[in-house]
Amino acid sequence: MNHIKKAFTLIEVIMSVIIVSIVVMGALQLQEQNSDMATYLMKRGNAELDNSLFLTQRVQRYDKSKKNAYDILVDEFQIKDDKSRQLLKKIEKKINITEATPIPVGATEDSPPLFTFYSNEILLNGKYPSRYFTFK
C-alpha cells in the first residue's frame, strides 16, 4: 500500500513565518507609536499644568519678560518649603501679552453696541508654547 503523508512544504512554512513576522513587526511599530504619543501627551499635560502657574491676575505686568513660576507666585502665596521654591524656580516661561482689543457687542451689526468687552492674548513660550485669552 502506498502511504501518502500530507504535510506542509518548506516553501509554505517559510512563507507563513514571513507573514507572521510582518504582522508582529507591524504590531510592534504600532505599539511604539502609541507609547511615543502617550509620552508626548503626558509631557504636554504637565506643561499645561506648569502654564497654569503663570495665569494670575498680575501676569500683565510681566509682558515681554522671562520669568519663573516662583517669581509669579511669590506675591500670591507664602512658599516656605525650600524644595517647592526650587521646583518653581526651574519652571521658566517667556511671557508676551498683546494689547487689549475692544470687542463691541450689539443686537445687530448696524446698531450701536450694547456693551464692549476687551480681550487680550497671553502667550507663554517654553518647550510647549501655549496661548490663553483674557476677557474684561
N, C-alpha and C. Protein backbone atom coordinates (compact mmCIF):
# COMPACT_ATOMS: atom_id res chain seq x y z
N MET A 1 0.81 -1.17 0.00
CA MET A 1 0.00 0.00 0.00
C MET A 1 0.86 1.25 0.00
N ASN A 2 0.33 2.20 -0.65
CA ASN A 2 1.03 3.47 -0.80
C ASN A 2 0.53 4.45 0.25
N HIS A 3 1.38 4.82 1.20
CA HIS A 3 1.00 5.79 2.24
C HIS A 3 1.48 7.16 1.82
N ILE A 4 0.56 8.06 1.66
CA ILE A 4 0.90 9.44 1.31
C ILE A 4 0.67 10.29 2.55
N LYS A 5 1.73 10.91 3.02
CA LYS A 5 1.62 11.79 4.18
C LYS A 5 1.40 13.21 3.70
N LYS A 6 0.39 13.82 4.28
CA LYS A 6 0.13 15.21 3.93
C LYS A 6 0.88 16.10 4.93
N ALA A 7 1.68 16.99 4.43
CA ALA A 7 2.46 17.91 5.27
C ALA A 7 2.72 19.18 4.48
N PHE A 8 3.17 20.20 5.22
CA PHE A 8 3.50 21.46 4.56
C PHE A 8 4.86 21.34 3.90
N THR A 9 4.97 22.00 2.78
CA THR A 9 6.27 22.02 2.12
C THR A 9 7.14 23.08 2.79
N LEU A 10 8.40 23.05 2.53
CA LEU A 10 9.33 24.01 3.12
C LEU A 10 8.98 25.44 2.71
N ILE A 11 8.57 25.64 1.48
CA ILE A 11 8.21 26.97 0.99
C ILE A 11 6.98 27.50 1.74
N GLU A 12 6.00 26.66 2.00
CA GLU A 12 4.81 27.09 2.73
C GLU A 12 5.16 27.49 4.16
N VAL A 13 6.04 26.75 4.80
CA VAL A 13 6.46 27.08 6.17
C VAL A 13 7.22 28.40 6.19
N ILE A 14 8.12 28.59 5.24
CA ILE A 14 8.88 29.85 5.17
C ILE A 14 7.94 31.03 4.92
N MET A 15 6.99 30.87 4.03
CA MET A 15 6.04 31.96 3.73
C MET A 15 5.20 32.29 4.97
N SER A 16 4.75 31.29 5.71
CA SER A 16 3.95 31.56 6.90
C SER A 16 4.79 32.28 7.97
N VAL A 17 6.07 31.90 8.11
CA VAL A 17 6.95 32.57 9.06
C VAL A 17 7.15 34.03 8.64
N ILE A 18 7.32 34.29 7.36
CA ILE A 18 7.49 35.66 6.86
C ILE A 18 6.23 36.48 7.14
N ILE A 19 5.06 35.91 6.88
CA ILE A 19 3.80 36.64 7.11
C ILE A 19 3.61 36.95 8.58
N VAL A 20 3.87 35.99 9.44
CA VAL A 20 3.75 36.22 10.89
C VAL A 20 4.75 37.27 11.33
N SER A 21 5.96 37.24 10.80
CA SER A 21 6.98 38.23 11.15
C SER A 21 6.55 39.63 10.76
N ILE A 22 5.97 39.78 9.59
CA ILE A 22 5.50 41.09 9.13
C ILE A 22 4.39 41.61 10.05
N VAL A 23 3.47 40.74 10.43
CA VAL A 23 2.37 41.15 11.31
C VAL A 23 2.92 41.56 12.68
N VAL A 24 3.86 40.78 13.23
CA VAL A 24 4.43 41.09 14.53
C VAL A 24 5.22 42.40 14.47
N MET A 25 5.98 42.63 13.41
CA MET A 25 6.73 43.88 13.27
C MET A 25 5.79 45.07 13.18
N GLY A 26 4.69 44.91 12.45
CA GLY A 26 3.70 45.99 12.36
C GLY A 26 3.08 46.28 13.72
N ALA A 27 2.77 45.24 14.47
CA ALA A 27 2.19 45.43 15.80
C ALA A 27 3.18 46.12 16.74
N LEU A 28 4.46 45.74 16.66
CA LEU A 28 5.48 46.38 17.50
C LEU A 28 5.66 47.85 17.13
N GLN A 29 5.61 48.16 15.84
CA GLN A 29 5.74 49.55 15.41
C GLN A 29 4.55 50.37 15.89
N LEU A 30 3.36 49.80 15.80
CA LEU A 30 2.15 50.48 16.27
C LEU A 30 2.23 50.71 17.78
N GLN A 31 2.71 49.74 18.52
CA GLN A 31 2.86 49.87 19.96
C GLN A 31 3.88 50.97 20.29
N GLU A 32 4.96 51.06 19.55
CA GLU A 32 5.97 52.10 19.77
C GLU A 32 5.39 53.49 19.50
N GLN A 33 4.60 53.62 18.43
CA GLN A 33 3.97 54.90 18.13
C GLN A 33 3.00 55.30 19.24
N ASN A 34 2.23 54.33 19.74
CA ASN A 34 1.30 54.61 20.83
C ASN A 34 2.04 55.03 22.09
N SER A 35 3.16 54.39 22.36
CA SER A 35 3.98 54.74 23.52
C SER A 35 4.52 56.16 23.37
N ASP A 36 5.01 56.51 22.17
CA ASP A 36 5.52 57.86 21.92
C ASP A 36 4.41 58.90 22.09
N MET A 37 3.21 58.59 21.60
CA MET A 37 2.09 59.52 21.72
C MET A 37 1.68 59.68 23.18
N ALA A 38 1.68 58.60 23.93
CA ALA A 38 1.33 58.68 25.36
C ALA A 38 2.36 59.53 26.10
N THR A 39 3.63 59.37 25.78
CA THR A 39 4.68 60.17 26.41
C THR A 39 4.51 61.64 26.07
N TYR A 40 4.23 61.94 24.79
CA TYR A 40 4.01 63.32 24.37
C TYR A 40 2.82 63.93 25.12
N LEU A 41 1.71 63.18 25.19
CA LEU A 41 0.52 63.70 25.87
C LEU A 41 0.77 63.93 27.35
N MET A 42 1.54 63.06 27.97
CA MET A 42 1.86 63.23 29.38
C MET A 42 2.71 64.49 29.58
N LYS A 43 3.72 64.68 28.72
CA LYS A 43 4.58 65.86 28.83
C LYS A 43 3.79 67.13 28.53
N ARG A 44 2.91 67.07 27.54
CA ARG A 44 2.09 68.23 27.19
C ARG A 44 1.13 68.58 28.33
N GLY A 45 0.55 67.57 28.93
CA GLY A 45 -0.34 67.80 30.08
C GLY A 45 0.40 68.42 31.25
N ASN A 46 1.60 67.94 31.52
CA ASN A 46 2.42 68.52 32.59
C ASN A 46 2.79 69.96 32.26
N ALA A 47 3.07 70.23 30.99
CA ALA A 47 3.39 71.60 30.58
C ALA A 47 2.18 72.52 30.77
N GLU A 48 0.98 72.01 30.51
CA GLU A 48 -0.22 72.82 30.72
C GLU A 48 -0.42 73.10 32.20
N LEU A 49 -0.11 72.13 33.05
CA LEU A 49 -0.18 72.38 34.49
C LEU A 49 0.83 73.44 34.90
N ASP A 50 2.03 73.36 34.32
CA ASP A 50 3.05 74.39 34.59
C ASP A 50 2.57 75.75 34.12
N ASN A 51 1.95 75.80 32.95
CA ASN A 51 1.46 77.08 32.41
C ASN A 51 0.41 77.70 33.32
N SER A 52 -0.40 76.87 33.95
CA SER A 52 -1.46 77.41 34.81
C SER A 52 -0.88 78.20 35.99
N LEU A 53 0.36 77.92 36.35
CA LEU A 53 1.01 78.68 37.42
C LEU A 53 1.23 80.14 37.03
N PHE A 54 1.28 80.41 35.75
CA PHE A 54 1.57 81.76 35.26
C PHE A 54 0.31 82.59 35.02
N LEU A 55 -0.85 82.02 35.17
CA LEU A 55 -2.10 82.71 34.85
C LEU A 55 -2.72 83.35 36.09
N THR A 56 -2.01 84.28 36.65
CA THR A 56 -2.51 85.02 37.80
C THR A 56 -3.07 86.35 37.34
N GLN A 57 -3.69 87.07 38.27
CA GLN A 57 -4.25 88.39 37.95
C GLN A 57 -3.15 89.39 37.60
N ARG A 58 -1.96 89.19 38.13
CA ARG A 58 -0.87 90.14 37.94
C ARG A 58 0.06 89.79 36.79
N VAL A 59 -0.26 88.81 36.00
CA VAL A 59 0.63 88.39 34.92
C VAL A 59 0.85 89.51 33.90
N GLN A 60 -0.09 90.42 33.79
CA GLN A 60 0.00 91.51 32.82
C GLN A 60 1.27 92.34 32.99
N ARG A 61 1.75 92.47 34.20
CA ARG A 61 2.92 93.31 34.44
C ARG A 61 4.23 92.66 34.00
N TYR A 62 4.20 91.42 33.61
CA TYR A 62 5.41 90.71 33.19
C TYR A 62 5.53 90.59 31.68
N ASP A 63 4.85 91.45 30.96
CA ASP A 63 4.89 91.40 29.50
C ASP A 63 6.33 91.53 28.98
N LYS A 64 6.65 90.73 28.00
CA LYS A 64 7.96 90.72 27.33
C LYS A 64 9.12 90.43 28.29
N SER A 65 8.89 89.53 29.21
CA SER A 65 9.97 89.15 30.11
C SER A 65 9.95 87.64 30.33
N LYS A 66 11.08 87.12 30.72
CA LYS A 66 11.18 85.70 31.02
C LYS A 66 11.16 85.57 32.54
N LYS A 67 10.19 84.82 33.03
CA LYS A 67 10.01 84.68 34.47
C LYS A 67 9.90 83.20 34.83
N ASN A 68 10.20 82.92 36.09
CA ASN A 68 9.96 81.57 36.57
C ASN A 68 8.68 81.58 37.42
N ALA A 69 8.16 80.41 37.68
CA ALA A 69 6.89 80.30 38.39
C ALA A 69 6.99 80.86 39.81
N TYR A 70 8.13 80.74 40.43
CA TYR A 70 8.28 81.28 41.79
C TYR A 70 8.12 82.79 41.79
N ASP A 71 8.73 83.48 40.83
CA ASP A 71 8.61 84.94 40.75
C ASP A 71 7.15 85.37 40.57
N ILE A 72 6.40 84.59 39.84
CA ILE A 72 4.99 84.92 39.60
C ILE A 72 4.16 84.68 40.87
N LEU A 73 4.42 83.58 41.56
CA LEU A 73 3.57 83.17 42.68
C LEU A 73 3.98 83.73 44.03
N VAL A 74 5.16 84.32 44.12
CA VAL A 74 5.64 84.80 45.41
C VAL A 74 4.72 85.86 46.01
N ASP A 75 4.06 86.66 45.19
CA ASP A 75 3.12 87.67 45.70
C ASP A 75 1.77 87.08 46.07
N GLU A 76 1.46 85.90 45.52
CA GLU A 76 0.16 85.27 45.74
C GLU A 76 0.15 84.34 46.95
N PHE A 77 1.27 83.66 47.18
CA PHE A 77 1.34 82.64 48.24
C PHE A 77 2.63 82.80 49.04
N GLN A 78 2.60 82.30 50.25
CA GLN A 78 3.82 82.20 51.04
C GLN A 78 4.34 80.78 50.85
N ILE A 79 5.45 80.66 50.17
CA ILE A 79 6.03 79.35 49.89
C ILE A 79 7.22 79.18 50.82
N LYS A 80 7.01 78.40 51.88
CA LYS A 80 8.04 78.25 52.90
C LYS A 80 8.96 77.06 52.64
N ASP A 81 8.48 76.07 51.94
CA ASP A 81 9.26 74.86 51.68
C ASP A 81 10.32 75.13 50.62
N ASP A 82 11.58 74.91 50.96
CA ASP A 82 12.68 75.18 50.04
C ASP A 82 12.61 74.31 48.79
N LYS A 83 12.21 73.07 48.95
CA LYS A 83 12.12 72.16 47.79
C LYS A 83 11.07 72.67 46.79
N SER A 84 9.95 73.14 47.29
CA SER A 84 8.92 73.71 46.42
C SER A 84 9.43 74.95 45.71
N ARG A 85 10.15 75.80 46.45
CA ARG A 85 10.71 77.00 45.83
C ARG A 85 11.65 76.65 44.69
N GLN A 86 12.51 75.68 44.93
CA GLN A 86 13.47 75.28 43.90
C GLN A 86 12.77 74.70 42.68
N LEU A 87 11.72 73.89 42.89
CA LEU A 87 10.96 73.34 41.76
C LEU A 87 10.30 74.45 40.94
N LEU A 88 9.72 75.42 41.63
CA LEU A 88 9.05 76.52 40.94
C LEU A 88 10.05 77.40 40.18
N LYS A 89 11.24 77.54 40.70
CA LYS A 89 12.25 78.35 40.01
C LYS A 89 12.75 77.69 38.74
N LYS A 90 12.60 76.39 38.61
CA LYS A 90 13.04 75.68 37.40
C LYS A 90 12.04 75.83 36.25
N ILE A 91 10.81 76.20 36.56
CA ILE A 91 9.77 76.33 35.54
C ILE A 91 9.82 77.76 35.01
N GLU A 92 10.37 77.94 33.81
CA GLU A 92 10.51 79.28 33.23
C GLU A 92 9.71 79.40 31.93
N LYS A 93 9.15 80.56 31.73
CA LYS A 93 8.41 80.86 30.51
C LYS A 93 8.70 82.29 30.09
N LYS A 94 8.69 82.52 28.79
CA LYS A 94 8.75 83.87 28.24
C LYS A 94 7.31 84.31 28.06
N ILE A 95 6.97 85.46 28.60
CA ILE A 95 5.59 85.94 28.61
C ILE A 95 5.45 87.09 27.62
N ASN A 96 4.50 86.95 26.71
CA ASN A 96 4.15 88.02 25.77
C ASN A 96 2.65 88.24 25.86
N ILE A 97 2.26 89.49 25.99
CA ILE A 97 0.85 89.82 26.13
C ILE A 97 0.49 90.86 25.08
N THR A 98 -0.55 90.61 24.33
CA THR A 98 -0.99 91.55 23.30
C THR A 98 -1.80 92.67 23.96
N GLU A 99 -1.92 93.78 23.24
CA GLU A 99 -2.76 94.88 23.73
C GLU A 99 -4.21 94.44 23.73
N ALA A 100 -4.97 95.01 24.65
CA ALA A 100 -6.39 94.68 24.75
C ALA A 100 -7.12 95.16 23.49
N THR A 101 -7.90 94.28 22.91
CA THR A 101 -8.66 94.59 21.71
C THR A 101 -10.12 94.77 22.09
N PRO A 102 -10.73 95.91 21.74
CA PRO A 102 -12.15 96.09 22.07
C PRO A 102 -13.03 95.22 21.17
N ILE A 103 -14.01 94.60 21.77
CA ILE A 103 -14.96 93.78 21.02
C ILE A 103 -16.36 94.28 21.36
N PRO A 104 -16.97 95.08 20.44
CA PRO A 104 -18.32 95.60 20.71
C PRO A 104 -19.37 94.51 20.52
N VAL A 105 -20.35 94.50 21.39
CA VAL A 105 -21.42 93.51 21.30
C VAL A 105 -22.73 94.27 21.21
N GLY A 106 -23.47 94.04 20.11
CA GLY A 106 -24.75 94.71 19.91
C GLY A 106 -25.80 93.72 19.45
N ALA A 107 -27.02 94.18 19.36
CA ALA A 107 -28.12 93.32 18.93
C ALA A 107 -27.95 92.95 17.45
N THR A 108 -27.55 93.91 16.63
CA THR A 108 -27.29 93.66 15.22
C THR A 108 -25.98 94.35 14.86
N GLU A 109 -25.49 94.07 13.68
CA GLU A 109 -24.23 94.68 13.25
C GLU A 109 -24.33 96.19 13.09
N ASP A 110 -25.52 96.67 12.66
CA ASP A 110 -25.70 98.10 12.39
C ASP A 110 -26.05 98.91 13.63
N SER A 111 -26.53 98.27 14.66
CA SER A 111 -26.94 99.02 15.86
C SER A 111 -25.72 99.37 16.71
N PRO A 112 -25.86 100.40 17.53
CA PRO A 112 -24.74 100.74 18.42
C PRO A 112 -24.53 99.60 19.44
N PRO A 113 -23.31 99.44 19.87
CA PRO A 113 -23.04 98.32 20.80
C PRO A 113 -23.75 98.49 22.14
N LEU A 114 -24.25 97.38 22.65
CA LEU A 114 -24.86 97.39 23.98
C LEU A 114 -23.78 97.48 25.05
N PHE A 115 -22.69 96.83 24.81
CA PHE A 115 -21.53 96.91 25.70
C PHE A 115 -20.29 96.50 24.92
N THR A 116 -19.17 96.81 25.44
CA THR A 116 -17.89 96.46 24.82
C THR A 116 -17.05 95.73 25.85
N PHE A 117 -16.51 94.59 25.45
CA PHE A 117 -15.54 93.96 26.33
C PHE A 117 -14.21 93.89 25.62
N TYR A 118 -13.18 93.70 26.40
CA TYR A 118 -11.82 93.74 25.87
C TYR A 118 -11.16 92.37 26.03
N SER A 119 -10.44 92.01 25.01
CA SER A 119 -9.76 90.72 25.03
C SER A 119 -8.28 90.92 24.71
N ASN A 120 -7.45 90.21 25.42
CA ASN A 120 -6.04 90.18 25.04
C ASN A 120 -5.54 88.75 25.16
N GLU A 121 -4.38 88.55 24.59
CA GLU A 121 -3.82 87.22 24.45
C GLU A 121 -2.56 87.13 25.31
N ILE A 122 -2.44 86.04 26.05
CA ILE A 122 -1.24 85.77 26.83
C ILE A 122 -0.53 84.61 26.17
N LEU A 123 0.69 84.87 25.69
CA LEU A 123 1.49 83.82 25.05
C LEU A 123 2.58 83.40 26.01
N LEU A 124 2.62 82.12 26.31
CA LEU A 124 3.65 81.57 27.19
C LEU A 124 4.55 80.68 26.34
N ASN A 125 5.77 81.12 26.15
CA ASN A 125 6.71 80.37 25.31
C ASN A 125 7.67 79.58 26.18
N GLY A 126 7.75 78.31 25.87
CA GLY A 126 8.66 77.39 26.54
C GLY A 126 8.81 76.18 25.62
N LYS A 127 9.04 75.04 26.19
CA LYS A 127 9.17 73.84 25.37
C LYS A 127 7.85 73.54 24.64
N TYR A 128 6.74 73.73 25.34
CA TYR A 128 5.42 73.56 24.75
C TYR A 128 4.68 74.89 24.88
N PRO A 129 4.76 75.77 23.86
CA PRO A 129 4.14 77.08 23.97
C PRO A 129 2.61 76.97 24.04
N SER A 130 2.01 77.94 24.71
CA SER A 130 0.55 77.95 24.86
C SER A 130 0.03 79.37 24.71
N ARG A 131 -1.24 79.45 24.40
CA ARG A 131 -1.90 80.73 24.17
C ARG A 131 -3.19 80.75 24.99
N TYR A 132 -3.37 81.82 25.74
CA TYR A 132 -4.57 81.98 26.57
C TYR A 132 -5.16 83.34 26.27
N PHE A 133 -6.45 83.47 26.51
CA PHE A 133 -7.15 84.73 26.28
C PHE A 133 -7.79 85.19 27.56
N THR A 134 -7.74 86.51 27.79
CA THR A 134 -8.46 87.09 28.92
C THR A 134 -9.55 88.02 28.37
N PHE A 135 -10.62 88.12 29.11
CA PHE A 135 -11.74 88.98 28.71
C PHE A 135 -12.12 89.86 29.89
N LYS A 136 -12.30 91.16 29.60
CA LYS A 136 -12.74 92.12 30.65
C LYS A 136 -13.97 92.83 30.17
